[in-house]
């Protein structure tokens, strides 16, 4: 089945994801499809809810967009600690045509499993820390637009209504 990236306001994006109980071939195939979609759409991260699967699974690769050599697949990732604060501009494959400044922790420690079931600990800062927090938010049904001011969020919601109204007319 060819998957697509869901876009806001799809209700799946607001749901809390379930833990992956077992790393099966189905999970490996899902991770592969997610990575391919992430690459095709020139993204650096993708969470399973963004492709309609409410499972705790993310793919991340900061090496692109031309080179794609650092793919990470994280199963059941959890942030163990956060440190500092940083504000940076974010976008999202599920939140089309919109970018905004978001405050995040400057450093995070994340525990997860890889596709071989091995425990992985990531002590991350910079773009990786931001990307991890962004993707792990997806697993809890939180979009980056949930972390911006009500005024900016309202402006984006108004754009979405206008776009969907135009689509209905055509």
N, C-alpha and C. Protein backbone atom coordinates (compact mmCIF):
# COMPACT_ATOMS: atom_id res chain seq x y z
N UNK A 1 0.85 -1.18 0.00
CA UNK A 1 0.00 0.00 0.00
C UNK A 1 0.89 1.24 0.00
N UNK A 2 0.65 2.14 -0.91
CA UNK A 2 1.43 3.38 -0.98
C UNK A 2 0.90 4.36 0.07
N UNK A 3 1.77 4.73 0.97
CA UNK A 3 1.39 5.65 2.03
C UNK A 3 1.61 7.09 1.58
N UNK A 4 0.88 7.97 2.23
CA UNK A 4 1.04 9.40 2.00
C UNK A 4 1.24 10.08 3.34
N UNK A 5 1.84 11.25 3.30
CA UNK A 5 2.01 12.03 4.52
C UNK A 5 0.70 12.75 4.82
N UNK A 6 0.17 12.52 6.01
CA UNK A 6 -1.06 13.18 6.43
C UNK A 6 -0.76 14.64 6.75
N UNK A 7 -1.73 15.50 6.50
CA UNK A 7 -1.54 16.91 6.82
C UNK A 7 -2.59 17.39 7.81
N UNK A 8 -2.19 18.40 8.57
CA UNK A 8 -3.08 19.05 9.52
C UNK A 8 -4.28 19.58 8.75
N UNK A 9 -5.49 19.38 9.25
CA UNK A 9 -5.92 18.97 10.59
C UNK A 9 -6.34 17.50 10.72
N UNK A 10 -5.73 16.57 10.01
CA UNK A 10 -6.10 15.17 10.11
C UNK A 10 -6.07 14.73 11.58
N UNK A 11 -7.15 14.12 12.09
CA UNK A 11 -7.24 13.78 13.51
C UNK A 11 -6.21 12.76 13.99
N UNK A 12 -5.66 11.94 13.10
CA UNK A 12 -4.63 10.97 13.51
C UNK A 12 -3.41 11.70 14.08
N UNK A 13 -3.14 12.89 13.55
CA UNK A 13 -1.98 13.66 14.01
C UNK A 13 -2.12 14.14 15.46
N UNK A 14 -3.33 14.13 15.99
CA UNK A 14 -3.57 14.59 17.36
C UNK A 14 -3.68 13.44 18.36
N UNK A 15 -3.47 12.22 17.90
CA UNK A 15 -3.60 11.06 18.79
C UNK A 15 -2.26 10.66 19.40
N UNK A 16 -2.32 10.17 20.63
CA UNK A 16 -1.13 9.63 21.28
C UNK A 16 -0.87 8.24 20.71
N UNK A 17 0.38 7.97 20.37
CA UNK A 17 0.76 6.70 19.74
C UNK A 17 0.97 5.59 20.76
N UNK A 18 0.78 4.36 20.28
CA UNK A 18 0.99 3.16 21.09
C UNK A 18 2.44 2.69 20.96
N UNK A 19 2.96 2.10 22.03
CA UNK A 19 4.30 1.50 21.97
C UNK A 19 4.32 0.38 20.94
N UNK A 20 5.46 0.20 20.30
CA UNK A 20 5.68 -0.95 19.43
C UNK A 20 6.01 -2.12 20.36
N UNK A 21 5.18 -3.15 20.33
CA UNK A 21 5.35 -4.29 21.24
C UNK A 21 6.46 -5.24 20.78
N UNK A 22 6.60 -5.37 19.46
CA UNK A 22 7.59 -6.30 18.90
C UNK A 22 8.07 -5.74 17.57
N UNK A 23 9.36 -5.86 17.33
CA UNK A 23 9.92 -5.38 16.07
C UNK A 23 9.80 -6.50 15.05
N UNK A 24 8.75 -6.40 14.25
CA UNK A 24 8.41 -7.41 13.24
C UNK A 24 8.83 -6.92 11.86
N UNK A 25 8.65 -7.77 10.87
CA UNK A 25 8.92 -7.35 9.49
C UNK A 25 7.99 -6.20 9.10
N UNK A 26 6.78 -6.22 9.60
CA UNK A 26 5.83 -5.12 9.33
C UNK A 26 6.39 -3.79 9.83
N UNK A 27 7.00 -3.78 11.00
CA UNK A 27 7.59 -2.55 11.55
C UNK A 27 8.80 -2.13 10.70
N UNK A 28 9.61 -3.08 10.31
CA UNK A 28 10.76 -2.77 9.44
C UNK A 28 10.30 -2.19 8.10
N UNK A 29 9.25 -2.77 7.53
CA UNK A 29 8.70 -2.27 6.26
C UNK A 29 8.14 -0.86 6.44
N UNK A 30 7.45 -0.64 7.55
CA UNK A 30 6.91 0.69 7.84
C UNK A 30 8.05 1.71 7.95
N UNK A 31 9.10 1.36 8.65
CA UNK A 31 10.26 2.26 8.79
C UNK A 31 10.88 2.57 7.43
N UNK A 32 10.97 1.56 6.57
CA UNK A 32 11.52 1.75 5.24
C UNK A 32 10.64 2.69 4.41
N UNK A 33 9.33 2.49 4.46
CA UNK A 33 8.41 3.37 3.74
C UNK A 33 8.49 4.80 4.26
N UNK A 34 8.60 4.92 5.58
CA UNK A 34 8.71 6.25 6.18
C UNK A 34 9.98 6.96 5.72
N UNK A 35 11.10 6.24 5.71
CA UNK A 35 12.36 6.84 5.27
C UNK A 35 12.24 7.30 3.82
N UNK A 36 11.66 6.47 2.96
CA UNK A 36 11.52 6.83 1.55
C UNK A 36 10.64 8.07 1.38
N UNK A 37 9.54 8.13 2.12
CA UNK A 37 8.67 9.31 2.06
C UNK A 37 9.38 10.55 2.56
N UNK A 38 10.12 10.40 3.64
CA UNK A 38 10.88 11.52 4.21
C UNK A 38 11.87 12.04 3.16
N UNK A 39 12.59 11.13 2.50
CA UNK A 39 13.56 11.53 1.48
C UNK A 39 12.88 12.17 0.27
N UNK A 40 11.80 11.56 -0.21
CA UNK A 40 11.08 12.09 -1.38
C UNK A 40 10.56 13.50 -1.13
N UNK A 41 10.22 13.79 0.13
CA UNK A 41 9.67 15.10 0.47
C UNK A 41 10.70 16.04 1.07
N UNK A 42 11.97 15.64 0.98
CA UNK A 42 13.10 16.47 1.43
C UNK A 42 12.99 16.85 2.91
N UNK A 43 12.50 15.89 3.71
CA UNK A 43 12.42 16.11 5.14
C UNK A 43 13.64 15.56 5.85
N UNK A 44 13.77 15.91 7.14
CA UNK A 44 14.86 15.38 7.96
C UNK A 44 14.34 14.46 9.05
N UNK A 45 13.04 14.39 9.20
CA UNK A 45 12.45 13.51 10.19
C UNK A 45 11.00 13.20 9.83
N UNK A 46 10.55 12.02 10.26
CA UNK A 46 9.16 11.63 10.02
C UNK A 46 8.74 10.67 11.13
N UNK A 47 7.56 10.89 11.66
CA UNK A 47 7.02 10.03 12.71
C UNK A 47 5.87 9.20 12.14
N UNK A 48 5.71 7.99 12.66
CA UNK A 48 4.68 7.08 12.14
C UNK A 48 3.28 7.70 12.07
N UNK A 49 2.85 8.51 13.05
CA UNK A 49 1.52 9.11 12.92
C UNK A 49 1.35 9.95 11.66
N UNK A 50 2.44 10.48 11.13
CA UNK A 50 2.37 11.31 9.93
C UNK A 50 2.02 10.49 8.69
N UNK A 51 2.15 9.16 8.79
CA UNK A 51 1.74 8.30 7.69
C UNK A 51 0.54 7.44 8.09
N UNK A 52 -0.17 7.86 9.14
CA UNK A 52 -1.41 7.21 9.54
C UNK A 52 -1.26 6.04 10.48
N UNK A 53 -0.07 5.84 11.06
CA UNK A 53 0.18 4.73 11.98
C UNK A 53 0.45 5.29 13.38
N UNK A 54 -0.45 5.06 14.31
CA UNK A 54 -0.27 5.57 15.67
C UNK A 54 0.64 4.63 16.47
N UNK A 55 1.89 4.59 16.03
CA UNK A 55 2.91 3.75 16.68
C UNK A 55 4.11 4.63 17.01
N UNK A 56 4.84 4.25 18.05
CA UNK A 56 5.99 5.03 18.50
C UNK A 56 7.24 4.64 17.69
N UNK A 57 7.32 5.23 16.50
CA UNK A 57 8.39 4.94 15.55
C UNK A 57 8.73 6.22 14.80
N UNK A 58 10.03 6.56 14.71
CA UNK A 58 10.44 7.74 13.96
C UNK A 58 11.66 7.42 13.10
N UNK A 59 11.77 8.15 11.99
CA UNK A 59 12.96 8.10 11.15
C UNK A 59 13.55 9.50 11.12
N UNK A 60 14.88 9.58 11.18
CA UNK A 60 15.59 10.86 11.15
C UNK A 60 16.84 10.70 10.32
N UNK A 61 17.12 11.70 9.48
CA UNK A 61 18.38 11.74 8.74
C UNK A 61 18.71 13.20 8.47
N UNK A 62 19.73 13.70 9.17
CA UNK A 62 20.11 15.11 9.03
C UNK A 62 21.13 15.33 7.91
N UNK A 63 21.56 14.29 7.23
CA UNK A 63 22.65 14.40 6.26
C UNK A 63 22.23 15.03 4.93
N UNK A 64 20.95 15.12 4.66
CA UNK A 64 20.46 15.53 3.35
C UNK A 64 20.41 17.02 3.15
N UNK A 65 19.70 17.45 2.09
CA UNK A 65 18.84 16.62 1.27
C UNK A 65 19.56 15.88 0.13
N UNK A 66 20.73 16.35 -0.31
CA UNK A 66 21.37 15.66 -1.44
C UNK A 66 21.93 14.29 -1.02
N UNK A 67 22.60 14.27 0.10
CA UNK A 67 23.22 13.05 0.59
C UNK A 67 22.31 12.46 1.67
N UNK A 68 22.08 11.19 1.66
CA UNK A 68 21.24 10.55 2.69
C UNK A 68 22.02 9.36 3.23
N UNK A 69 22.85 9.63 4.25
CA UNK A 69 23.78 8.61 4.72
C UNK A 69 23.68 8.33 6.23
N UNK A 70 22.81 9.04 6.94
CA UNK A 70 22.79 8.90 8.40
C UNK A 70 21.41 8.55 8.93
N UNK A 71 20.72 7.63 8.27
CA UNK A 71 19.37 7.26 8.68
C UNK A 71 19.37 6.64 10.08
N UNK A 72 18.53 7.19 10.93
CA UNK A 72 18.28 6.62 12.26
C UNK A 72 16.81 6.22 12.32
N UNK A 73 16.57 5.02 12.78
CA UNK A 73 15.20 4.57 13.03
C UNK A 73 15.11 4.31 14.53
N UNK A 74 14.18 5.00 15.18
CA UNK A 74 14.04 4.88 16.63
C UNK A 74 12.68 4.29 16.96
N UNK A 75 12.71 3.20 17.72
CA UNK A 75 11.50 2.51 18.14
C UNK A 75 11.27 2.83 19.62
N UNK A 76 10.05 3.26 19.94
CA UNK A 76 9.66 3.62 21.31
C UNK A 76 10.62 4.62 21.97
N UNK A 77 10.96 5.71 21.26
CA UNK A 77 11.88 6.68 21.85
C UNK A 77 11.24 7.46 23.00
N UNK A 78 12.08 7.78 23.99
CA UNK A 78 11.63 8.52 25.17
C UNK A 78 12.72 9.54 25.52
N UNK A 79 12.31 10.76 25.83
CA UNK A 79 13.26 11.76 26.29
C UNK A 79 13.48 11.54 27.78
N UNK A 80 14.73 11.27 28.16
CA UNK A 80 15.06 11.04 29.57
C UNK A 80 15.40 12.33 30.30
N UNK A 81 16.04 13.28 29.58
CA UNK A 81 16.36 14.56 30.22
C UNK A 81 16.47 15.66 29.17
N UNK A 82 16.26 16.89 29.64
CA UNK A 82 16.35 18.08 28.79
C UNK A 82 17.20 19.10 29.52
N UNK A 83 17.90 19.93 28.73
CA UNK A 83 18.77 20.93 29.31
C UNK A 83 18.80 22.17 28.43
N UNK A 84 18.75 23.34 29.05
CA UNK A 84 18.86 24.59 28.32
C UNK A 84 17.63 24.91 27.48
N UNK A 85 17.73 26.04 26.76
CA UNK A 85 16.63 26.46 25.87
C UNK A 85 17.23 27.06 24.62
N UNK A 86 16.53 26.83 23.52
CA UNK A 86 16.93 27.39 22.24
C UNK A 86 15.65 27.67 21.45
N UNK A 87 15.68 28.73 20.64
CA UNK A 87 14.55 29.05 19.77
C UNK A 87 15.05 28.97 18.34
N UNK A 88 14.34 28.19 17.53
CA UNK A 88 14.73 28.04 16.13
C UNK A 88 13.47 27.91 15.29
N UNK A 89 13.62 28.20 14.00
CA UNK A 89 12.49 28.11 13.09
C UNK A 89 12.28 26.65 12.69
N UNK A 90 11.02 26.22 12.72
CA UNK A 90 10.67 24.86 12.35
C UNK A 90 9.61 24.85 11.28
N UNK A 91 9.61 23.78 10.53
CA UNK A 91 8.56 23.47 9.57
C UNK A 91 8.21 22.01 9.76
N UNK A 92 7.25 21.53 9.01
CA UNK A 92 6.82 20.14 9.18
C UNK A 92 6.16 19.66 7.90
N UNK A 93 6.44 18.42 7.54
CA UNK A 93 5.83 17.85 6.34
C UNK A 93 4.31 17.72 6.48
N UNK A 94 3.81 17.70 7.71
CA UNK A 94 2.36 17.60 7.94
C UNK A 94 1.70 18.96 8.14
N UNK A 95 2.49 20.00 8.23
CA UNK A 95 1.97 21.37 8.40
C UNK A 95 2.48 22.16 7.20
N UNK A 96 1.71 22.12 6.13
CA UNK A 96 2.17 22.64 4.85
C UNK A 96 2.25 24.16 4.81
N UNK A 97 3.26 24.63 4.08
CA UNK A 97 3.43 26.06 3.79
C UNK A 97 3.45 26.95 5.02
N UNK A 98 4.10 26.50 6.09
CA UNK A 98 4.16 27.31 7.30
C UNK A 98 5.42 26.97 8.07
N UNK A 99 6.08 28.01 8.55
CA UNK A 99 7.26 27.88 9.42
C UNK A 99 7.08 28.86 10.55
N UNK A 100 7.62 28.51 11.73
CA UNK A 100 7.52 29.42 12.88
C UNK A 100 8.64 29.11 13.86
N UNK A 101 8.97 30.11 14.65
CA UNK A 101 9.98 29.93 15.69
C UNK A 101 9.35 29.18 16.87
N UNK A 102 10.08 28.16 17.36
CA UNK A 102 9.60 27.31 18.44
C UNK A 102 10.70 27.21 19.49
N UNK A 103 10.31 27.30 20.75
CA UNK A 103 11.28 27.11 21.84
C UNK A 103 11.36 25.63 22.18
N UNK A 104 12.58 25.13 22.25
CA UNK A 104 12.85 23.73 22.58
C UNK A 104 13.99 23.67 23.58
N UNK A 105 14.23 22.49 24.14
CA UNK A 105 15.41 22.27 24.96
C UNK A 105 16.64 22.28 24.05
N UNK A 106 17.73 22.81 24.56
CA UNK A 106 18.96 22.89 23.77
C UNK A 106 19.64 21.52 23.64
N UNK A 107 19.53 20.72 24.71
CA UNK A 107 20.12 19.38 24.70
C UNK A 107 19.10 18.39 25.24
N UNK A 108 19.11 17.18 24.69
CA UNK A 108 18.23 16.12 25.18
C UNK A 108 19.00 14.80 25.24
N UNK A 109 18.56 13.95 26.14
CA UNK A 109 19.04 12.57 26.20
C UNK A 109 17.83 11.71 25.88
N UNK A 110 17.94 10.91 24.82
CA UNK A 110 16.84 10.09 24.34
C UNK A 110 17.25 8.62 24.40
N UNK A 111 16.33 7.80 24.90
CA UNK A 111 16.52 6.35 24.91
C UNK A 111 15.51 5.75 23.95
N UNK A 112 15.96 4.77 23.15
CA UNK A 112 15.07 4.11 22.19
C UNK A 112 15.66 2.73 21.88
N UNK A 113 15.02 2.06 20.95
CA UNK A 113 15.56 0.80 20.41
C UNK A 113 15.74 1.00 18.91
N UNK A 114 16.71 0.30 18.35
CA UNK A 114 16.85 0.32 16.89
C UNK A 114 16.07 -0.86 16.32
N UNK A 115 16.12 -1.06 15.01
CA UNK A 115 15.34 -2.13 14.39
C UNK A 115 15.85 -3.53 14.71
N UNK A 116 17.03 -3.61 15.32
CA UNK A 116 17.55 -4.90 15.79
C UNK A 116 17.15 -5.17 17.23
N UNK A 117 16.40 -4.24 17.83
CA UNK A 117 15.96 -4.40 19.21
C UNK A 117 16.98 -3.96 20.24
N UNK A 118 18.10 -3.42 19.78
CA UNK A 118 19.15 -2.97 20.70
C UNK A 118 18.82 -1.60 21.26
N UNK A 119 19.14 -1.40 22.54
CA UNK A 119 18.91 -0.10 23.16
C UNK A 119 19.90 0.91 22.61
N UNK A 120 19.41 2.11 22.32
CA UNK A 120 20.21 3.20 21.79
C UNK A 120 20.00 4.40 22.72
N UNK A 121 21.09 5.05 23.10
CA UNK A 121 21.00 6.29 23.86
C UNK A 121 21.61 7.40 23.02
N UNK A 122 20.87 8.47 22.82
CA UNK A 122 21.35 9.60 22.04
C UNK A 122 21.47 10.82 22.94
N UNK A 123 22.68 11.33 23.08
CA UNK A 123 22.93 12.57 23.81
C UNK A 123 23.05 13.64 22.73
N UNK A 124 21.98 14.39 22.51
CA UNK A 124 21.91 15.25 21.33
C UNK A 124 21.82 16.73 21.68
N UNK A 125 22.41 17.55 20.80
CA UNK A 125 22.24 18.99 20.88
C UNK A 125 22.08 19.51 19.45
N UNK A 126 21.94 20.81 19.31
CA UNK A 126 21.80 21.40 17.98
C UNK A 126 20.57 20.91 17.23
N UNK A 127 20.72 20.77 15.92
CA UNK A 127 19.60 20.38 15.07
C UNK A 127 19.06 19.01 15.44
N UNK A 128 19.92 18.07 15.81
CA UNK A 128 19.44 16.74 16.19
C UNK A 128 18.53 16.80 17.41
N UNK A 129 18.88 17.62 18.40
CA UNK A 129 18.03 17.75 19.59
C UNK A 129 16.67 18.33 19.21
N UNK A 130 16.67 19.32 18.35
CA UNK A 130 15.41 19.95 17.92
C UNK A 130 14.56 18.93 17.14
N UNK A 131 15.20 18.23 16.22
CA UNK A 131 14.49 17.25 15.40
C UNK A 131 13.91 16.13 16.27
N UNK A 132 14.69 15.63 17.22
CA UNK A 132 14.19 14.59 18.11
C UNK A 132 12.95 15.06 18.87
N UNK A 133 13.01 16.26 19.42
CA UNK A 133 11.86 16.78 20.17
C UNK A 133 10.65 16.95 19.27
N UNK A 134 10.87 17.45 18.05
CA UNK A 134 9.78 17.66 17.09
C UNK A 134 9.13 16.32 16.75
N UNK A 135 9.93 15.31 16.42
CA UNK A 135 9.37 14.00 16.02
C UNK A 135 8.73 13.28 17.20
N UNK A 136 9.32 13.37 18.38
CA UNK A 136 8.73 12.72 19.55
C UNK A 136 7.44 13.40 19.97
N UNK A 137 7.32 14.71 19.73
CA UNK A 137 6.04 15.39 19.94
C UNK A 137 4.95 14.74 19.10
N UNK A 138 5.27 14.41 17.84
CA UNK A 138 4.27 13.75 16.97
C UNK A 138 3.73 12.48 17.61
N UNK A 139 4.58 11.75 18.32
CA UNK A 139 4.16 10.50 18.95
C UNK A 139 3.17 10.73 20.08
N UNK A 140 3.15 11.97 20.60
CA UNK A 140 2.21 12.33 21.66
C UNK A 140 1.04 13.15 21.13
N UNK A 141 0.92 13.24 19.81
CA UNK A 141 -0.19 13.98 19.21
C UNK A 141 -0.01 15.49 19.26
N UNK A 142 1.24 15.94 19.33
CA UNK A 142 1.55 17.37 19.42
C UNK A 142 2.27 17.80 18.15
N UNK A 143 1.78 18.87 17.53
CA UNK A 143 2.43 19.46 16.36
C UNK A 143 3.19 20.71 16.78
N UNK A 144 4.16 21.12 16.00
CA UNK A 144 4.91 22.32 16.38
C UNK A 144 4.00 23.55 16.46
N UNK A 145 2.91 23.55 15.71
CA UNK A 145 1.99 24.70 15.79
C UNK A 145 1.23 24.72 17.12
N UNK A 146 1.27 23.62 17.87
CA UNK A 146 0.69 23.61 19.21
C UNK A 146 1.61 24.33 20.20
N UNK A 147 2.83 24.64 19.78
CA UNK A 147 3.82 25.27 20.65
C UNK A 147 4.09 26.73 20.29
N UNK A 148 3.29 27.29 19.40
CA UNK A 148 3.48 28.70 19.02
C UNK A 148 2.36 29.54 19.64
N UNK A 149 2.47 30.85 19.49
CA UNK A 149 1.47 31.75 20.09
C UNK A 149 0.08 31.50 19.49
N UNK A 150 -0.93 31.82 20.27
CA UNK A 150 -2.31 31.64 19.79
C UNK A 150 -2.59 32.49 18.56
N UNK A 151 -1.98 33.66 18.51
CA UNK A 151 -2.18 34.55 17.37
C UNK A 151 -1.64 33.90 16.08
N UNK A 152 -0.40 33.41 16.13
CA UNK A 152 0.18 32.77 14.94
C UNK A 152 -0.58 31.50 14.58
N UNK A 153 -0.99 30.76 15.58
CA UNK A 153 -1.75 29.53 15.34
C UNK A 153 -3.10 29.88 14.68
N UNK A 154 -3.74 30.91 15.18
CA UNK A 154 -5.02 31.34 14.61
C UNK A 154 -4.88 31.76 13.16
N UNK A 155 -3.77 32.43 12.84
CA UNK A 155 -3.53 32.84 11.45
C UNK A 155 -3.36 31.61 10.56
N UNK A 156 -2.65 30.59 11.06
CA UNK A 156 -2.47 29.39 10.25
C UNK A 156 -3.80 28.65 10.09
N UNK A 157 -4.57 28.53 11.17
CA UNK A 157 -5.88 27.86 11.10
C UNK A 157 -6.79 28.57 10.09
N UNK A 158 -6.73 29.89 10.05
CA UNK A 158 -7.55 30.65 9.09
C UNK A 158 -7.12 30.34 7.65
N UNK A 159 -5.79 30.22 7.42
CA UNK A 159 -5.30 29.86 6.09
C UNK A 159 -5.82 28.48 5.68
N UNK A 160 -5.77 27.54 6.62
CA UNK A 160 -6.22 26.17 6.33
C UNK A 160 -7.70 26.18 5.94
N UNK A 161 -8.52 26.93 6.68
CA UNK A 161 -9.95 27.01 6.36
C UNK A 161 -10.16 27.59 4.97
N UNK A 162 -9.40 28.61 4.64
CA UNK A 162 -9.51 29.25 3.34
C UNK A 162 -9.12 28.27 2.23
N UNK A 163 -8.00 27.54 2.42
CA UNK A 163 -7.55 26.57 1.43
C UNK A 163 -8.57 25.46 1.25
N UNK A 164 -9.11 24.95 2.36
CA UNK A 164 -10.08 23.84 2.22
C UNK A 164 -11.38 24.32 1.59
N UNK A 165 -11.75 25.57 1.85
CA UNK A 165 -12.95 26.14 1.23
C UNK A 165 -12.75 26.25 -0.29
N UNK A 166 -11.54 26.66 -0.71
CA UNK A 166 -11.24 26.77 -2.14
C UNK A 166 -11.28 25.40 -2.81
N UNK A 167 -10.74 24.37 -2.12
CA UNK A 167 -10.73 23.02 -2.67
C UNK A 167 -12.14 22.50 -2.87
N UNK A 168 -13.05 22.81 -1.93
CA UNK A 168 -14.43 22.34 -2.05
C UNK A 168 -15.14 22.97 -3.23
N UNK A 169 -14.78 24.24 -3.53
CA UNK A 169 -15.42 24.92 -4.66
C UNK A 169 -14.96 24.37 -6.00
N UNK A 170 -13.69 23.90 -6.06
CA UNK A 170 -13.20 23.43 -7.37
C UNK A 170 -13.57 22.02 -7.69
